[in-house]
Amino acid sequence: MDEARAVLGRLERIEKLERAGAPPPALLGELRALVREAEEWTRVDGDERARAAVSACADSLASEMIAM
């Protein structure tokens, strides 16, 4: 349950940053942390679909970093 709370809290922080017009590097750091927390959540409570979704997010974030 703590893992789920961490993910939800991170999502709230990201939304606040977006509303405040935060620069991309600030959002990127939060997104990286979100993926790490989501990975932990799926290890504890997730099924294969959840793990696949988090893996796809991590891959997308990594490919975005390469493109920058």
PDB file of N, CA and C in Angstrom:
ATOM      1  N   MET A   1       0.815  -1.186   0.000  1.00  0.00           N
ATOM      2  CA  MET A   1       0.000   0.000   0.000  1.00  0.00           C
ATOM      3  C   MET A   1       0.866   1.261   0.000  1.00  0.00           C
ATOM      4  N   ASP A   2       1.997   1.230   0.692  1.00  0.00           N
ATOM      5  CA  ASP A   2       2.888   2.393   0.694  1.00  0.00           C
ATOM      6  C   ASP A   2       3.390   2.710  -0.704  1.00  0.00           C
ATOM      7  N   GLU A   3       3.618   1.667  -1.502  1.00  0.00           N
ATOM      8  CA  GLU A   3       4.092   1.878  -2.868  1.00  0.00           C
ATOM      9  C   GLU A   3       3.052   2.616  -3.691  1.00  0.00           C
ATOM     10  N   ALA A   4       1.793   2.242  -3.528  1.00  0.00           N
ATOM     11  CA  ALA A   4       0.706   2.918  -4.255  1.00  0.00           C
ATOM     12  C   ALA A   4       0.603   4.377  -3.828  1.00  0.00           C
ATOM     13  N   ARG A   5       0.748   4.638  -2.539  1.00  0.00           N
ATOM     14  CA  ARG A   5       0.700   6.020  -2.046  1.00  0.00           C
ATOM     15  C   ARG A   5       1.846   6.845  -2.609  1.00  0.00           C
ATOM     16  N   ALA A   6       3.006   6.226  -2.716  1.00  0.00           N
ATOM     17  CA  ALA A   6       4.166   6.939  -3.274  1.00  0.00           C
ATOM     18  C   ALA A   6       3.897   7.340  -4.723  1.00  0.00           C
ATOM     19  N   VAL A   7       3.331   6.428  -5.502  1.00  0.00           N
ATOM     20  CA  VAL A   7       3.018   6.718  -6.904  1.00  0.00           C
ATOM     21  C   VAL A   7       1.981   7.833  -6.996  1.00  0.00           C
ATOM     22  N   LEU A   8       0.942   7.738  -6.205  1.00  0.00           N
ATOM     23  CA  LEU A   8      -0.104   8.767  -6.239  1.00  0.00           C
ATOM     24  C   LEU A   8       0.439  10.128  -5.797  1.00  0.00           C
ATOM     25  N   GLY A   9       1.280  10.128  -4.786  1.00  0.00           N
ATOM     26  CA  GLY A   9       1.891  11.381  -4.351  1.00  0.00           C
ATOM     27  C   GLY A   9       2.775  11.987  -5.424  1.00  0.00           C
ATOM     28  N   ARG A  10       3.517  11.136  -6.111  1.00  0.00           N
ATOM     29  CA  ARG A  10       4.391  11.616  -7.190  1.00  0.00           C
ATOM     30  C   ARG A  10       3.546  12.200  -8.315  1.00  0.00           C
ATOM     31  N   LEU A  11       2.453  11.541  -8.667  1.00  0.00           N
ATOM     32  CA  LEU A  11       1.574  12.064  -9.716  1.00  0.00           C
ATOM     33  C   LEU A  11       1.025  13.439  -9.340  1.00  0.00           C
ATOM     34  N   GLU A  12       0.678  13.617  -8.074  1.00  0.00           N
ATOM     35  CA  GLU A  12       0.189  14.925  -7.625  1.00  0.00           C
ATOM     36  C   GLU A  12       1.279  15.993  -7.772  1.00  0.00           C
ATOM     37  N   ARG A  13       2.516  15.650  -7.397  1.00  0.00           N
ATOM     38  CA  ARG A  13       3.616  16.607  -7.537  1.00  0.00           C
ATOM     39  C   ARG A  13       3.827  16.982  -9.003  1.00  0.00           C
ATOM     40  N   ILE A  14       3.745  15.990  -9.883  1.00  0.00           N
ATOM     41  CA  ILE A  14       3.929  16.246 -11.316  1.00  0.00           C
ATOM     42  C   ILE A  14       2.829  17.171 -11.824  1.00  0.00           C
ATOM     43  N   GLU A  15       1.594  16.917 -11.430  1.00  0.00           N
ATOM     44  CA  GLU A  15       0.488  17.783 -11.854  1.00  0.00           C
ATOM     45  C   GLU A  15       0.692  19.217 -11.376  1.00  0.00           C
ATOM     46  N   LYS A  16       1.140  19.386 -10.134  1.00  0.00           N
ATOM     47  CA  LYS A  16       1.387  20.734  -9.603  1.00  0.00           C
ATOM     48  C   LYS A  16       2.492  21.427 -10.394  1.00  0.00           C
ATOM     49  N   LEU A  17       3.549  20.696 -10.694  1.00  0.00           N
ATOM     50  CA  LEU A  17       4.644  21.271 -11.473  1.00  0.00           C
ATOM     51  C   LEU A  17       4.162  21.693 -12.861  1.00  0.00           C
ATOM     52  N   GLU A  18       3.349  20.844 -13.491  1.00  0.00           N
ATOM     53  CA  GLU A  18       2.823  21.182 -14.816  1.00  0.00           C
ATOM     54  C   GLU A  18       1.971  22.443 -14.754  1.00  0.00           C
ATOM     55  N   ARG A  19       1.088  22.520 -13.761  1.00  0.00           N
ATOM     56  CA  ARG A  19       0.224  23.701 -13.627  1.00  0.00           C
ATOM     57  C   ARG A  19       1.045  24.967 -13.377  1.00  0.00           C
ATOM     58  N   ALA A  20       2.162  24.813 -12.687  1.00  0.00           N
ATOM     59  CA  ALA A  20       3.013  25.965 -12.382  1.00  0.00           C
ATOM     60  C   ALA A  20       3.950  26.317 -13.535  1.00  0.00           C
ATOM     61  N   GLY A  21       3.924  25.527 -14.611  1.00  0.00           N
ATOM     62  CA  GLY A  21       4.780  25.794 -15.760  1.00  0.00           C
ATOM     63  C   GLY A  21       6.242  25.450 -15.511  1.00  0.00           C
ATOM     64  N   ALA A  22       6.473  24.399 -14.761  1.00  0.00           N
ATOM     65  CA  ALA A  22       7.840  23.985 -14.436  1.00  0.00           C
ATOM     66  C   ALA A  22       8.621  23.657 -15.706  1.00  0.00           C
ATOM     67  N   PRO A  23       9.921  23.894 -15.670  1.00  0.00           N
ATOM     68  CA  PRO A  23      10.750  23.584 -16.836  1.00  0.00           C
ATOM     69  C   PRO A  23      10.866  22.071 -17.039  1.00  0.00           C
ATOM     70  N   PRO A  24      11.112  21.663 -18.280  1.00  0.00           N
ATOM     71  CA  PRO A  24      11.211  20.228 -18.581  1.00  0.00           C
ATOM     72  C   PRO A  24      12.170  19.442 -17.685  1.00  0.00           C
ATOM     73  N   PRO A  25      13.350  19.968 -17.343  1.00  0.00           N
ATOM     74  CA  PRO A  25      14.231  19.167 -16.477  1.00  0.00           C
ATOM     75  C   PRO A  25      13.606  18.816 -15.117  1.00  0.00           C
ATOM     76  N   ALA A  26      12.810  19.708 -14.581  1.00  0.00           N
ATOM     77  CA  ALA A  26      12.141  19.425 -13.308  1.00  0.00           C
ATOM     78  C   ALA A  26      11.118  18.303 -13.488  1.00  0.00           C
ATOM     79  N   LEU A  27      10.378  18.365 -14.565  1.00  0.00           N
ATOM     80  CA  LEU A  27       9.394  17.312 -14.836  1.00  0.00           C
ATOM     81  C   LEU A  27      10.079  15.992 -15.130  1.00  0.00           C
ATOM     82  N   LEU A  28      11.168  16.037 -15.845  1.00  0.00           N
ATOM     83  CA  LEU A  28      11.884  14.810 -16.190  1.00  0.00           C
ATOM     84  C   LEU A  28      12.366  14.086 -14.941  1.00  0.00           C
ATOM     85  N   GLY A  29      12.897  14.824 -13.993  1.00  0.00           N
ATOM     86  CA  GLY A  29      13.326  14.209 -12.740  1.00  0.00           C
ATOM     87  C   GLY A  29      12.176  13.538 -12.015  1.00  0.00           C
ATOM     88  N   GLU A  30      11.035  14.192 -11.998  1.00  0.00           N
ATOM     89  CA  GLU A  30       9.855  13.615 -11.357  1.00  0.00           C
ATOM     90  C   GLU A  30       9.368  12.380 -12.113  1.00  0.00           C
ATOM     91  N   LEU A  31       9.424  12.418 -13.437  1.00  0.00           N
ATOM     92  CA  LEU A  31       8.994  11.264 -14.220  1.00  0.00           C
ATOM     93  C   LEU A  31       9.906  10.074 -13.991  1.00  0.00           C
ATOM     94  N   ARG A  32      11.194  10.317 -13.891  1.00  0.00           N
ATOM     95  CA  ARG A  32      12.131   9.222 -13.593  1.00  0.00           C
ATOM     96  C   ARG A  32      11.804   8.598 -12.239  1.00  0.00           C
ATOM     97  N   ALA A  33      11.566   9.449 -11.256  1.00  0.00           N
ATOM     98  CA  ALA A  33      11.226   8.948  -9.924  1.00  0.00           C
ATOM     99  C   ALA A  33       9.901   8.189  -9.950  1.00  0.00           C
ATOM    100  N   LEU A  34       8.950   8.687 -10.731  1.00  0.00           N
ATOM    101  CA  LEU A  34       7.664   8.009 -10.863  1.00  0.00           C
ATOM    102  C   LEU A  34       7.839   6.600 -11.414  1.00  0.00           C
ATOM    103  N   VAL A  35       8.666   6.456 -12.426  1.00  0.00           N
ATOM    104  CA  VAL A  35       8.884   5.127 -13.014  1.00  0.00           C
ATOM    105  C   VAL A  35       9.519   4.202 -11.978  1.00  0.00           C
ATOM    106  N   ARG A  36      10.502   4.701 -11.231  1.00  0.00           N
ATOM    107  CA  ARG A  36      11.129   3.858 -10.195  1.00  0.00           C
ATOM    108  C   ARG A  36      10.105   3.421  -9.150  1.00  0.00           C
ATOM    109  N   GLU A  37       9.262   4.362  -8.720  1.00  0.00           N
ATOM    110  CA  GLU A  37       8.242   4.020  -7.727  1.00  0.00           C
ATOM    111  C   GLU A  37       7.206   3.062  -8.289  1.00  0.00           C
ATOM    112  N   ALA A  38       6.837   3.242  -9.535  1.00  0.00           N
ATOM    113  CA  ALA A  38       5.873   2.337 -10.169  1.00  0.00           C
ATOM    114  C   ALA A  38       6.475   0.937 -10.319  1.00  0.00           C
ATOM    115  N   GLU A  39       7.768   0.862 -10.626  1.00  0.00           N
ATOM    116  CA  GLU A  39       8.421  -0.442 -10.705  1.00  0.00           C
ATOM    117  C   GLU A  39       8.352  -1.152  -9.360  1.00  0.00           C
ATOM    118  N   GLU A  40       8.607  -0.427  -8.291  1.00  0.00           N
ATOM    119  CA  GLU A  40       8.528  -1.017  -6.951  1.00  0.00           C
ATOM    120  C   GLU A  40       7.108  -1.481  -6.644  1.00  0.00           C
ATOM    121  N   TRP A  41       6.137  -0.668  -7.004  1.00  0.00           N
ATOM    122  CA  TRP A  41       4.736  -1.015  -6.765  1.00  0.00           C
ATOM    123  C   TRP A  41       4.376  -2.305  -7.504  1.00  0.00           C
ATOM    124  N   THR A  42       4.808  -2.420  -8.747  1.00  0.00           N
ATOM    125  CA  THR A  42       4.464  -3.633  -9.502  1.00  0.00           C
ATOM    126  C   THR A  42       5.175  -4.865  -8.953  1.00  0.00           C
ATOM    127  N   ARG A  43       6.354  -4.674  -8.365  1.00  0.00           N
ATOM    128  CA  ARG A  43       7.021  -5.833  -7.748  1.00  0.00           C
ATOM    129  C   ARG A  43       6.224  -6.341  -6.559  1.00  0.00           C
ATOM    130  N   VAL A  44       5.585  -5.423  -5.841  1.00  0.00           N
ATOM    131  CA  VAL A  44       4.842  -5.794  -4.643  1.00  0.00           C
ATOM    132  C   VAL A  44       3.416  -6.239  -4.964  1.00  0.00           C
ATOM    133  N   ASP A  45       2.725  -5.461  -5.781  1.00  0.00           N
ATOM    134  CA  ASP A  45       1.290  -5.685  -5.987  1.00  0.00           C
ATOM    135  C   ASP A  45       0.885  -5.949  -7.431  1.00  0.00           C
ATOM    136  N   GLY A  46       1.804  -5.888  -8.361  1.00  0.00           N
ATOM    137  CA  GLY A  46       1.410  -5.911  -9.762  1.00  0.00           C
ATOM    138  C   GLY A  46       1.294  -7.296 -10.370  1.00  0.00           C
ATOM    139  N   ASP A  47       0.613  -7.322 -11.481  1.00  0.00           N
ATOM    140  CA  ASP A  47       0.545  -8.520 -12.287  1.00  0.00           C
ATOM    141  C   ASP A  47       1.389  -8.289 -13.545  1.00  0.00           C
ATOM    142  N   GLU A  48       1.353  -9.207 -14.442  1.00  0.00           N
ATOM    143  CA  GLU A  48       2.191  -9.100 -15.639  1.00  0.00           C
ATOM    144  C   GLU A  48       1.824  -7.887 -16.491  1.00  0.00           C
ATOM    145  N   ARG A  49       0.539  -7.577 -16.588  1.00  0.00           N
ATOM    146  CA  ARG A  49       0.125  -6.395 -17.366  1.00  0.00           C
ATOM    147  C   ARG A  49       0.682  -5.116 -16.765  1.00  0.00           C
ATOM    148  N   ALA A  50       0.644  -5.015 -15.443  1.00  0.00           N
ATOM    149  CA  ALA A  50       1.177  -3.819 -14.775  1.00  0.00           C
ATOM    150  C   ALA A  50       2.679  -3.714 -14.994  1.00  0.00           C
ATOM    151  N   ARG A  51       3.387  -4.837 -14.866  1.00  0.00           N
ATOM    152  CA  ARG A  51       4.833  -4.813 -15.091  1.00  0.00           C
ATOM    153  C   ARG A  51       5.154  -4.430 -16.521  1.00  0.00           C
ATOM    154  N   ALA A  52       4.379  -4.922 -17.469  1.00  0.00           N
ATOM    155  CA  ALA A  52       4.603  -4.582 -18.878  1.00  0.00           C
ATOM    156  C   ALA A  52       4.351  -3.094 -19.129  1.00  0.00           C
ATOM    157  N   ALA A  53       3.331  -2.535 -18.495  1.00  0.00           N
ATOM    158  CA  ALA A  53       3.029  -1.111 -18.669  1.00  0.00           C
ATOM    159  C   ALA A  53       4.147  -0.247 -18.107  1.00  0.00           C
ATOM    160  N   VAL A  54       4.645  -0.590 -16.928  1.00  0.00           N
ATOM    161  CA  VAL A  54       5.733   0.185 -16.328  1.00  0.00           C
ATOM    162  C   VAL A  54       6.997   0.048 -17.166  1.00  0.00           C
ATOM    163  N   SER A  55       7.247  -1.133 -17.668  1.00  0.00           N
ATOM    164  CA  SER A  55       8.413  -1.345 -18.522  1.00  0.00           C
ATOM    165  C   SER A  55       8.325  -0.498 -19.788  1.00  0.00           C
ATOM    166  N   ALA A  56       7.137  -0.419 -20.364  1.00  0.00           N
ATOM    167  CA  ALA A  56       6.947   0.403 -21.563  1.00  0.00           C
ATOM    168  C   ALA A  56       7.183   1.885 -21.242  1.00  0.00           C
ATOM    169  N   CYS A  57       6.739   2.328 -20.073  1.00  0.00           N
ATOM    170  CA  CYS A  57       6.984   3.720 -19.665  1.00  0.00           C
ATOM    171  C   CYS A  57       8.478   3.977 -19.499  1.00  0.00           C
ATOM    172  N   ALA A  58       9.166   3.052 -18.866  1.00  0.00           N
ATOM    173  CA  ALA A  58      10.606   3.203 -18.671  1.00  0.00           C
ATOM    174  C   ALA A  58      11.322   3.239 -20.010  1.00  0.00           C
ATOM    175  N   ASP A  59      10.938   2.364 -20.924  1.00  0.00           N
ATOM    176  CA  ASP A  59      11.549   2.343 -22.255  1.00  0.00           C
ATOM    177  C   ASP A  59      11.290   3.647 -23.002  1.00  0.00           C
ATOM    178  N   SER A  60      10.064   4.148 -22.903  1.00  0.00           N
ATOM    179  CA  SER A  60       9.722   5.401 -23.573  1.00  0.00           C
ATOM    180  C   SER A  60      10.513   6.559 -23.004  1.00  0.00           C
ATOM    181  N   LEU A  61      10.639   6.609 -21.709  1.00  0.00           N
ATOM    182  CA  LEU A  61      11.402   7.669 -21.065  1.00  0.00           C
ATOM    183  C   LEU A  61      12.874   7.582 -21.480  1.00  0.00           C
ATOM    184  N   ALA A  62      13.406   6.390 -21.558  1.00  0.00           N
ATOM    185  CA  ALA A  62      14.796   6.213 -21.978  1.00  0.00           C
ATOM    186  C   ALA A  62      14.998   6.641 -23.426  1.00  0.00           C
ATOM    187  N   SER A  63      14.050   6.292 -24.290  1.00  0.00           N
ATOM    188  CA  SER A  63      14.205   6.666 -25.701  1.00  0.00           C
ATOM    189  C   SER A  63      14.053   8.164 -25.882  1.00  0.00           C
ATOM    190  N   GLU A  64      13.218   8.814 -25.065  1.00  0.00           N
ATOM    191  CA  GLU A  64      13.097  10.266 -25.110  1.00  0.00           C
ATOM    192  C   GLU A  64      14.404  10.925 -24.715  1.00  0.00           C
ATOM    193  N   MET A  65      15.099  10.344 -23.763  1.00  0.00           N
ATOM    194  CA  MET A  65      16.375  10.894 -23.322  1.00  0.00           C
ATOM    195  C   MET A  65      17.406  10.797 -24.443  1.00  0.00           C
ATOM    196  N   ILE A  66      17.371   9.724 -25.178  1.00  0.00           N
ATOM    197  CA  ILE A  66      18.310   9.540 -26.293  1.00  0.00           C
ATOM    198  C   ILE A  66      18.022  10.578 -27.377  1.00  0.00           C
ATOM    199  N   ALA A  67      16.735  10.856 -27.614  1.00  0.00           N
ATOM    200  CA  ALA A  67      16.343  11.795 -28.663  1.00  0.00           C
ATOM    201  C   ALA A  67      16.692  13.236 -28.301  1.00  0.00           C
ATOM    202  N   MET A  68      16.846  13.545 -27.029  1.00  0.00           N
ATOM    203  CA  MET A  68      17.111  14.925 -26.614  1.00  0.00           C
ATOM    204  C   MET A  68      18.501  15.279 -26.942  1.00  0.00           C
TER     205      MET A  68
END
